[in-house]
N, C-alpha and C. Protein backbone atom coordinates (compact mmCIF):
# COMPACT_ATOMS: atom_id res chain seq x y z
N MET A 1 -8.59 -8.76 -1.99
CA MET A 1 -8.08 -7.91 -1.02
C MET A 1 -8.91 -7.48 0.15
N GLY A 2 -8.93 -5.94 0.29
CA GLY A 2 -10.20 -5.70 1.32
C GLY A 2 -10.06 -4.13 1.14
N VAL A 3 -10.53 -3.70 2.35
CA VAL A 3 -10.93 -2.33 2.35
C VAL A 3 -9.70 -1.44 2.80
N PRO A 4 -9.62 -0.23 2.26
CA PRO A 4 -8.49 0.59 2.63
C PRO A 4 -8.48 0.92 4.20
N PRO A 5 -7.15 0.83 4.56
CA PRO A 5 -7.04 1.27 5.88
C PRO A 5 -7.29 2.66 6.47
N GLY A 6 -7.20 3.39 5.57
CA GLY A 6 -7.55 4.93 6.25
C GLY A 6 -6.72 5.54 6.87
N GLN A 7 -6.78 5.95 8.30
CA GLN A 7 -6.21 6.47 9.39
C GLN A 7 -5.92 5.24 10.58
N TYR A 8 -4.78 5.37 11.01
CA TYR A 8 -4.35 4.08 11.70
C TYR A 8 -3.09 4.41 12.67
N LEU A 9 -3.15 4.71 13.86
CA LEU A 9 -2.15 4.98 14.79
C LEU A 9 -1.28 6.52 14.15
N GLY A 10 -2.22 7.62 14.09
CA GLY A 10 -1.73 9.03 13.73
C GLY A 10 -1.33 8.91 12.29
N LEU A 11 -1.34 7.96 11.35
CA LEU A 11 -1.15 8.39 10.09
C LEU A 11 -2.40 7.92 9.09
N SER A 12 -2.04 8.50 8.00
CA SER A 12 -3.36 7.99 6.89
C SER A 12 -2.28 7.23 5.92
N TYR A 13 -3.17 6.33 5.59
CA TYR A 13 -2.58 5.11 4.48
C TYR A 13 -3.51 5.50 3.25
N ARG A 14 -3.12 5.83 1.79
CA ARG A 14 -3.87 6.66 1.11
C ARG A 14 -3.23 5.44 -0.22
N GLY A 15 -4.13 4.53 -1.09
CA GLY A 15 -3.89 3.80 -1.85
C GLY A 15 -3.67 2.44 -1.48
N TRP A 16 -3.46 2.22 -0.17
CA TRP A 16 -3.06 0.66 0.12
C TRP A 16 -4.47 -0.08 0.45
N ALA A 17 -4.54 -1.25 0.33
CA ALA A 17 -5.72 -2.02 0.90
C ALA A 17 -5.04 -3.03 1.94
N VAL A 18 -6.22 -3.51 2.79
CA VAL A 18 -6.00 -4.66 3.86
C VAL A 18 -6.25 -5.73 3.34
N ALA A 19 -4.99 -6.65 3.44
CA ALA A 19 -5.41 -7.99 3.08
C ALA A 19 -5.24 -9.26 4.21
N SER A 20 -6.49 -9.65 4.18
CA SER A 20 -6.66 -10.77 5.57
C SER A 20 -6.07 -12.12 5.20
N GLU A 21 -5.96 -12.65 6.39
CA GLU A 21 -5.15 -14.22 6.35
C GLU A 21 -6.17 -14.65 5.28
N SER A 22 -7.44 -14.80 5.20
CA SER A 22 -8.37 -15.71 4.47
C SER A 22 -7.67 -15.40 2.91
N VAL A 23 -6.97 -14.39 2.64
CA VAL A 23 -6.82 -14.52 1.30
C VAL A 23 -5.47 -15.28 0.99
N ALA A 24 -5.56 -15.82 -0.23
CA ALA A 24 -4.44 -16.74 -0.22
C ALA A 24 -3.12 -15.83 -0.61
N PHE A 25 -1.98 -16.14 -0.01
CA PHE A 25 -1.14 -14.84 0.47
C PHE A 25 0.36 -14.87 -0.10
N GLY A 26 0.98 -16.16 0.30
CA GLY A 26 2.07 -16.33 -0.30
C GLY A 26 3.09 -16.04 0.55
N LEU A 27 2.90 -15.16 1.75
CA LEU A 27 3.83 -14.93 2.72
C LEU A 27 3.21 -14.92 3.87
N ARG A 28 4.47 -15.38 4.84
CA ARG A 28 3.69 -15.57 6.12
C ARG A 28 3.86 -14.34 6.72
N ARG A 29 2.78 -13.63 7.36
CA ARG A 29 2.75 -12.41 7.84
C ARG A 29 3.39 -12.31 9.36
N ALA A 30 4.12 -11.02 9.45
CA ALA A 30 4.76 -10.90 10.85
C ALA A 30 3.81 -11.10 12.12
N THR A 31 2.73 -10.47 11.69
CA THR A 31 1.44 -10.51 13.05
C THR A 31 0.15 -10.70 12.05
N PRO A 32 -0.04 -11.73 11.97
CA PRO A 32 -1.60 -12.02 11.35
C PRO A 32 -2.68 -11.52 12.01
N PRO A 33 -3.99 -11.08 11.65
CA PRO A 33 -4.05 -11.79 10.55
C PRO A 33 -4.06 -10.88 9.06
N ASN A 34 -3.62 -9.34 9.54
CA ASN A 34 -3.73 -8.71 8.40
C ASN A 34 -2.29 -8.05 7.88
N ALA A 35 -2.30 -7.19 6.70
CA ALA A 35 -1.10 -6.89 6.12
C ALA A 35 -1.53 -5.59 5.26
N ILE A 36 -0.71 -4.73 4.91
CA ILE A 36 -1.30 -3.77 3.65
C ILE A 36 -0.78 -4.26 2.81
N VAL A 37 -1.41 -4.08 1.43
CA VAL A 37 -1.17 -4.49 -0.11
C VAL A 37 -1.20 -3.17 -0.74
N PHE A 38 -0.41 -3.24 -1.96
CA PHE A 38 -0.35 -1.99 -2.91
C PHE A 38 0.38 -2.96 -4.24
N GLY A 39 -0.39 -2.89 -5.08
CA GLY A 39 -0.14 -3.63 -6.30
C GLY A 39 0.49 -2.83 -7.60
N VAL A 40 1.10 -3.47 -8.61
CA VAL A 40 1.48 -2.92 -9.61
C VAL A 40 0.31 -2.41 -10.48
N ARG A 41 -0.75 -3.15 -10.62
CA ARG A 41 -1.80 -2.99 -11.25
C ARG A 41 -2.65 -1.35 -10.73
N ASN A 42 -2.39 -1.21 -9.50
CA ASN A 42 -2.47 0.08 -8.89
C ASN A 42 -1.92 1.17 -9.60
N GLU A 43 -0.60 1.16 -9.71
CA GLU A 43 0.40 1.96 -10.38
C GLU A 43 -0.16 2.21 -11.71
N LEU A 44 -0.31 1.11 -12.44
CA LEU A 44 -0.48 1.45 -13.87
C LEU A 44 -1.92 2.25 -14.33
N SER A 45 -2.70 1.93 -13.25
CA SER A 45 -3.99 2.71 -13.29
C SER A 45 -3.90 4.01 -13.17
N GLY A 46 -2.55 4.41 -12.64
CA GLY A 46 -2.51 5.98 -12.42
C GLY A 46 -2.48 6.41 -10.74
N GLY A 47 -2.59 4.89 -10.02
CA GLY A 47 -2.69 5.06 -8.68
C GLY A 47 -1.32 5.27 -7.82
N SER A 48 -1.30 5.91 -6.53
CA SER A 48 0.08 5.60 -5.93
C SER A 48 -0.47 5.03 -4.58
N ASN A 49 0.52 5.35 -3.87
CA ASN A 49 0.34 4.90 -2.26
C ASN A 49 1.29 6.15 -1.51
N LEU A 50 0.75 6.55 -0.31
CA LEU A 50 1.14 7.22 0.48
C LEU A 50 0.70 7.16 1.74
N ILE A 51 1.52 6.80 2.93
CA ILE A 51 1.65 6.76 3.94
C ILE A 51 2.07 7.94 4.73
N THR A 52 1.18 9.15 5.55
CA THR A 52 1.17 10.68 5.71
C THR A 52 1.01 11.23 6.88
N ALA A 53 1.38 11.70 7.67
CA ALA A 53 1.26 12.63 8.61
C ALA A 53 0.31 13.89 8.60
N ASN A 54 0.08 14.21 7.08
CA ASN A 54 -0.26 15.38 6.54
C ASN A 54 -1.61 15.12 6.31
N TYR A 55 -2.69 15.19 6.85
CA TYR A 55 -4.35 15.03 6.57
C TYR A 55 -4.92 15.87 7.53
N LEU A 56 -6.27 16.15 7.17
CA LEU A 56 -7.08 16.90 8.00
C LEU A 56 -7.09 16.33 9.23
N ASP A 57 -7.16 17.18 10.52
CA ASP A 57 -7.09 17.03 11.78
C ASP A 57 -6.19 16.16 12.14
N SER A 58 -4.88 15.80 11.43
CA SER A 58 -3.71 14.92 12.03
C SER A 58 -3.48 15.75 13.37
N LYS A 59 -2.98 14.93 14.39
CA LYS A 59 -2.14 15.62 15.61
C LYS A 59 -0.78 15.59 15.56
N VAL A 60 -0.01 14.61 14.38
CA VAL A 60 1.06 14.50 14.08
C VAL A 60 1.86 15.27 13.15
N ALA A 61 3.14 15.80 13.64
CA ALA A 61 4.01 16.96 13.00
C ALA A 61 5.01 16.14 12.39
N ARG A 62 5.50 14.71 12.55
CA ARG A 62 6.19 14.14 12.12
C ARG A 62 6.49 12.75 12.68
N VAL A 63 7.36 12.00 11.98
CA VAL A 63 7.67 10.43 12.10
C VAL A 63 9.06 10.55 12.24
N ASP A 64 9.54 9.23 13.03
CA ASP A 64 10.73 8.58 12.71
C ASP A 64 10.23 7.36 12.61
N MET A 65 10.70 6.83 11.16
CA MET A 65 10.42 5.70 10.78
C MET A 65 11.46 4.51 11.62
N ILE A 66 11.17 3.46 12.03
CA ILE A 66 12.00 2.47 12.62
C ILE A 66 12.36 0.85 11.76
N ARG A 67 11.35 0.56 11.55
CA ARG A 67 11.46 -0.85 10.82
C ARG A 67 9.99 -1.30 9.95
N MET A 68 10.18 -2.50 9.38
CA MET A 68 9.05 -2.92 8.64
C MET A 68 9.34 -4.08 8.19
N ALA A 69 7.98 -5.24 8.33
CA ALA A 69 8.36 -6.26 7.85
C ALA A 69 7.55 -6.41 6.27
N TYR A 70 8.45 -6.78 4.83
CA TYR A 70 7.92 -6.65 3.59
C TYR A 70 8.09 -7.90 2.97
N GLY A 71 7.79 -7.84 1.81
CA GLY A 71 7.57 -9.05 0.53
C GLY A 71 6.79 -8.60 -0.42
N CYS A 72 7.11 -9.31 -1.45
CA CYS A 72 6.10 -9.17 -2.76
C CYS A 72 5.57 -10.39 -3.09
N THR A 73 4.45 -10.63 -3.57
CA THR A 73 4.02 -11.58 -4.29
C THR A 73 3.21 -11.40 -5.79
N ILE A 74 3.02 -12.44 -6.42
CA ILE A 74 2.58 -12.37 -7.92
C ILE A 74 1.15 -13.42 -7.95
N ASN A 75 0.14 -13.14 -8.39
CA ASN A 75 -0.93 -13.83 -8.56
C ASN A 75 -0.72 -14.83 -9.53
N LEU A 76 -0.65 -16.16 -8.69
CA LEU A 76 -0.42 -17.49 -9.57
C LEU A 76 -1.99 -18.43 -9.46
N GLN A 77 -3.00 -18.22 -10.71
CA GLN A 77 -3.97 -18.97 -10.53
C GLN A 77 -4.65 -18.79 -9.37
N GLY A 78 -5.01 -17.31 -9.21
CA GLY A 78 -5.66 -17.01 -8.01
C GLY A 78 -5.20 -16.94 -6.62
N ALA A 79 -4.03 -17.14 -6.40
CA ALA A 79 -3.04 -17.63 -5.30
C ALA A 79 -2.03 -16.68 -5.27
N GLY A 80 -1.82 -15.97 -4.31
CA GLY A 80 -0.46 -15.25 -4.24
C GLY A 80 0.78 -16.07 -3.74
N VAL A 81 1.94 -16.09 -4.78
CA VAL A 81 2.88 -16.70 -4.47
C VAL A 81 4.21 -15.83 -4.21
N ALA A 82 5.03 -15.96 -3.46
CA ALA A 82 6.01 -15.17 -2.98
C ALA A 82 7.18 -15.20 -4.18
N THR A 83 7.57 -13.74 -4.16
CA THR A 83 8.52 -13.72 -5.41
C THR A 83 9.63 -12.61 -4.96
N SER A 84 10.96 -12.95 -5.36
CA SER A 84 11.85 -11.76 -5.21
C SER A 84 11.52 -10.57 -5.67
N CYS A 85 11.80 -9.21 -4.96
CA CYS A 85 11.59 -7.83 -5.41
C CYS A 85 12.36 -6.96 -5.06
N THR A 86 12.76 -5.87 -5.45
CA THR A 86 13.37 -4.68 -4.30
C THR A 86 12.45 -3.52 -4.30
N ILE A 87 11.87 -3.04 -3.12
CA ILE A 87 11.02 -1.82 -2.80
C ILE A 87 11.83 -0.58 -2.26
N ARG A 88 11.49 0.60 -3.24
CA ARG A 88 12.20 1.79 -2.87
C ARG A 88 10.99 2.30 -1.82
N VAL A 89 11.54 3.04 -0.99
CA VAL A 89 11.12 3.60 -0.08
C VAL A 89 11.42 5.07 0.03
N THR A 90 10.36 6.19 -0.15
CA THR A 90 11.06 7.46 -0.25
C THR A 90 10.26 8.28 0.54
N ALA A 91 10.66 9.12 1.51
CA ALA A 91 10.09 10.04 2.13
C ALA A 91 10.66 11.54 2.13
N THR A 92 9.68 12.25 2.56
CA THR A 92 9.76 13.78 2.82
C THR A 92 9.88 14.25 4.29
N ARG A 93 11.02 15.02 4.30
CA ARG A 93 11.42 15.61 5.57
C ARG A 93 11.03 17.24 5.42
N PRO A 94 10.29 17.91 6.11
CA PRO A 94 10.09 19.37 6.37
C PRO A 94 11.22 20.18 6.58
N ASN A 95 11.44 21.49 6.43
CA ASN A 95 12.05 22.23 7.08
C ASN A 95 11.74 22.70 8.35
N SER A 96 12.47 24.04 8.93
CA SER A 96 11.97 24.57 9.90
C SER A 96 10.55 25.45 9.89
N ALA A 97 10.40 25.67 8.43
CA ALA A 97 8.74 26.29 8.24
C ALA A 97 7.99 25.29 7.85
N GLY A 98 8.27 23.85 7.95
CA GLY A 98 7.09 23.03 7.97
C GLY A 98 7.00 22.71 6.49
N THR A 99 7.26 23.11 5.39
CA THR A 99 7.12 23.02 3.98
C THR A 99 8.13 21.60 3.58
N PRO A 100 7.96 21.22 2.77
CA PRO A 100 9.02 20.04 2.31
C PRO A 100 9.95 20.50 1.82
N SER A 101 11.32 19.71 2.30
CA SER A 101 12.80 20.60 2.06
C SER A 101 13.52 19.31 1.33
N SER A 102 13.40 18.39 1.68
CA SER A 102 14.33 17.34 1.74
C SER A 102 13.75 16.11 1.23
N VAL A 103 14.03 15.03 -0.09
CA VAL A 103 13.37 13.46 -0.08
C VAL A 103 14.91 12.73 0.08
N VAL A 104 14.38 11.50 1.12
CA VAL A 104 15.37 10.70 1.14
C VAL A 104 14.65 9.45 0.80
N SER A 105 15.59 8.29 0.39
CA SER A 105 15.17 7.09 -0.20
C SER A 105 15.94 5.98 0.62
N GLN A 106 15.65 4.47 0.42
CA GLN A 106 16.37 3.31 0.96
C GLN A 106 15.55 2.23 0.04
N LEU A 107 16.36 1.43 -0.26
CA LEU A 107 16.04 0.20 -1.02
C LEU A 107 16.06 -1.01 0.00
N PHE A 108 14.99 -1.71 -0.21
CA PHE A 108 14.78 -3.17 0.81
C PHE A 108 14.55 -4.21 0.03
N ARG A 109 15.45 -5.26 -0.10
CA ARG A 109 15.43 -6.47 -0.88
C ARG A 109 14.85 -7.25 -0.09
N PHE A 110 13.99 -7.89 -1.19
CA PHE A 110 13.20 -9.45 -0.63
C PHE A 110 13.52 -10.30 -1.39
N GLN A 111 14.02 -11.63 -1.00
CA GLN A 111 14.43 -12.92 -1.54
C GLN A 111 13.46 -13.84 -1.59
N SER A 112 13.18 -14.71 -2.43
CA SER A 112 12.17 -15.51 -2.33
C SER A 112 12.80 -16.92 -3.18
N PRO A 113 12.55 -17.99 -2.99
CA PRO A 113 12.82 -19.45 -3.87
C PRO A 113 12.27 -18.84 -5.25
N LEU A 114 12.63 -19.65 -6.43
CA LEU A 114 11.88 -19.07 -7.68
C LEU A 114 10.45 -19.58 -7.68
N LEU A 115 10.28 -20.85 -7.17
CA LEU A 115 9.03 -21.54 -6.83
C LEU A 115 8.43 -22.05 -5.21
N PRO A 116 8.38 -21.00 -4.42
CA PRO A 116 8.08 -21.66 -3.51
C PRO A 116 7.14 -22.58 -3.12
N THR A 117 6.96 -23.55 -2.38
CA THR A 117 6.16 -24.35 -2.22
C THR A 117 5.20 -24.14 -1.29
N GLY A 118 5.07 -22.89 -0.64
CA GLY A 118 4.21 -22.50 0.76
C GLY A 118 4.55 -21.05 0.89
N PRO A 119 3.87 -20.61 1.89
CA PRO A 119 4.29 -19.30 2.26
C PRO A 119 5.54 -19.14 2.77
N ILE A 120 6.39 -18.24 2.64
CA ILE A 120 7.42 -17.71 3.33
C ILE A 120 7.54 -16.63 4.10
N PRO A 121 8.13 -16.53 5.02
CA PRO A 121 8.29 -15.50 5.95
C PRO A 121 8.69 -14.06 5.21
N MET A 122 8.01 -12.81 5.68
CA MET A 122 8.17 -11.58 5.04
C MET A 122 9.43 -11.17 5.97
N ALA A 123 10.58 -10.49 5.08
CA ALA A 123 11.76 -9.99 5.33
C ALA A 123 11.40 -8.91 6.46
N VAL A 124 12.45 -8.57 7.38
CA VAL A 124 12.12 -7.22 8.10
C VAL A 124 13.51 -6.78 8.53
N ALA A 125 13.20 -5.25 8.09
CA ALA A 125 14.56 -4.63 7.86
C ALA A 125 14.06 -3.28 8.82
N ASP A 126 15.56 -2.52 9.35
CA ASP A 126 15.42 -1.05 9.75
C ASP A 126 15.23 -0.05 8.71
N PHE A 127 14.73 1.00 9.03
CA PHE A 127 15.14 2.39 8.23
C PHE A 127 16.13 2.72 8.55
N SER A 128 16.83 3.51 7.61
CA SER A 128 18.32 4.39 7.95
C SER A 128 17.62 5.52 8.88
N ASP A 129 19.04 5.80 9.50
CA ASP A 129 18.61 7.45 10.45
C ASP A 129 17.81 8.74 9.25
N ASP A 130 17.96 8.38 8.02
CA ASP A 130 17.65 9.40 7.32
C ASP A 130 15.80 9.55 7.29
N PHE A 131 15.44 8.51 7.68
CA PHE A 131 14.26 8.41 7.94
C PHE A 131 13.49 9.16 9.26
N LYS A 132 14.29 9.45 9.92
CA LYS A 132 13.75 10.28 11.34
C LYS A 132 13.17 11.93 10.81
N GLY A 133 12.03 12.46 11.53
CA GLY A 133 11.52 13.38 10.96
C GLY A 133 10.70 13.53 9.89
N VAL A 134 10.30 12.74 9.20
CA VAL A 134 9.62 12.87 7.65
C VAL A 134 8.02 12.70 8.28
N THR A 135 7.65 13.07 6.98
CA THR A 135 5.86 13.54 7.17
C THR A 135 5.29 12.26 6.20
N ASP A 136 5.87 12.31 4.89
CA ASP A 136 5.32 11.47 3.68
C ASP A 136 6.36 10.34 3.25
N LEU A 137 5.47 9.29 3.28
CA LEU A 137 6.30 7.80 2.92
C LEU A 137 5.60 7.55 1.71
N ARG A 138 6.21 6.92 0.64
CA ARG A 138 6.03 6.37 -0.76
C ARG A 138 6.62 5.06 -0.86
N MET A 139 6.05 3.99 -1.28
CA MET A 139 6.81 2.82 -1.55
C MET A 139 6.43 2.22 -3.46
N GLU A 140 7.43 1.75 -3.60
CA GLU A 140 7.42 1.31 -5.30
C GLU A 140 8.10 0.31 -5.51
N ILE A 141 7.81 -1.07 -6.36
CA ILE A 141 8.50 -2.15 -6.53
C ILE A 141 9.39 -1.46 -7.83
N THR A 142 10.68 -1.61 -7.68
CA THR A 142 11.47 -1.00 -8.36
C THR A 142 12.21 -2.26 -9.43
N ASN A 143 12.27 -3.36 -9.08
CA ASN A 143 12.98 -4.44 -9.42
C ASN A 143 11.94 -5.69 -8.90
N SER A 144 11.96 -6.68 -9.62
CA SER A 144 11.24 -7.77 -9.49
C SER A 144 11.95 -9.22 -10.01
N VAL A 145 11.18 -10.38 -9.71
CA VAL A 145 11.38 -11.71 -10.31
C VAL A 145 9.95 -12.07 -10.73
N VAL A 146 9.80 -12.12 -11.98
CA VAL A 146 8.62 -12.63 -12.39
C VAL A 146 8.64 -13.85 -13.29
N PRO A 147 8.52 -15.13 -12.84
CA PRO A 147 8.65 -16.38 -13.77
C PRO A 147 7.99 -16.04 -15.35
N ALA A 148 8.62 -16.71 -15.91
CA ALA A 148 8.11 -16.45 -17.65
C ALA A 148 6.93 -17.21 -17.65
N GLY A 149 6.04 -16.38 -18.44
CA GLY A 149 4.23 -16.89 -18.72
C GLY A 149 3.69 -16.02 -17.62
N LEU A 150 4.39 -15.61 -16.64
CA LEU A 150 3.06 -14.91 -15.46
C LEU A 150 2.85 -13.52 -15.64
N ASP A 151 2.01 -12.90 -15.54
CA ASP A 151 1.62 -11.49 -15.89
C ASP A 151 2.09 -10.64 -14.62
N ASP A 152 3.22 -9.67 -15.20
CA ASP A 152 3.97 -9.02 -14.08
C ASP A 152 2.87 -7.88 -13.31
N THR A 153 1.66 -7.78 -13.92
CA THR A 153 0.57 -7.01 -13.36
C THR A 153 -0.04 -7.20 -12.55
N THR A 154 0.08 -8.19 -11.78
CA THR A 154 -0.24 -9.12 -10.65
C THR A 154 0.56 -9.12 -9.54
N LEU A 155 1.85 -8.30 -9.92
CA LEU A 155 2.79 -8.24 -8.56
C LEU A 155 2.16 -7.14 -7.59
N ALA A 156 2.42 -7.50 -6.40
CA ALA A 156 1.95 -6.59 -5.47
C ALA A 156 3.13 -6.72 -3.84
N MET A 157 3.15 -5.86 -3.44
CA MET A 157 3.93 -5.62 -2.44
C MET A 157 3.18 -5.39 -0.92
N SER A 158 3.62 -6.28 -0.04
CA SER A 158 2.85 -6.25 1.18
C SER A 158 3.83 -5.64 2.35
N VAL A 159 3.27 -4.99 3.31
CA VAL A 159 3.76 -4.31 4.52
C VAL A 159 3.13 -4.88 5.75
N ASP A 160 3.70 -5.09 6.73
CA ASP A 160 3.51 -5.44 8.09
C ASP A 160 4.23 -4.79 9.18
N ASN A 161 3.70 -4.67 10.46
CA ASN A 161 4.54 -4.10 11.59
C ASN A 161 5.20 -3.23 11.08
N LEU A 162 4.64 -2.01 10.39
CA LEU A 162 5.43 -0.84 10.30
C LEU A 162 5.50 0.00 11.66
N SER A 163 6.78 0.02 11.73
CA SER A 163 7.19 0.43 13.22
C SER A 163 7.75 1.87 13.05
N TYR A 164 7.19 2.74 13.96
CA TYR A 164 7.42 4.29 13.92
C TYR A 164 7.12 5.00 15.23
N LYS A 165 7.77 6.41 15.40
CA LYS A 165 7.59 6.91 16.57
C LYS A 165 7.10 8.39 16.12
N THR A 166 5.73 8.67 16.81
CA THR A 166 4.95 10.09 16.44
C THR A 166 5.64 11.11 17.17
N TYR A 167 5.22 12.15 16.73
CA TYR A 167 5.92 13.68 17.35
C TYR A 167 4.47 14.55 17.05
N PRO A 168 3.82 14.98 18.38
CA PRO A 168 2.72 15.72 18.48
C PRO A 168 3.20 16.81 17.75
N LYS A 169 1.95 17.68 17.05
CA LYS A 169 2.09 19.21 16.46
C LYS A 169 1.90 20.11 17.73
N ALA A 170 2.60 21.33 17.79
CA ALA A 170 2.89 21.91 18.59
C ALA A 170 1.38 22.75 19.12
């Protein structure tokens, strides 16, 4: 893996790591060399991921999520191999007082051959209009295909080209 991304283009990325092209990845990134990665092992150890506009000194009030490239991998003898999965993205939208008032979610399905022979392209999908005006975004793998005999705790989701529009605080 690599270092946590921290703050990037107006948002804070917590719990994610940056995977570089030098890592045996299993997915062809939308824009090499990097993608952000969060693994099941992180979740099992009590970790979570968060992409947020709510952090100290943030200048962003809310975000319209547009699209992302994504996929899942599982570790096979030290190398990432693409595997099918479903990722649930959940976001919080504040009310007019600025406190969280509603939660929206959307499922993204990634399809991979059972045993791919090399890196496969990440899927690209648009967020629904429900993801306009959000402040916090979380992602989790809700379903996956893990070939028999492999350890599902090495399962990880990868995200690249997260596209969004930010709105400044007043």
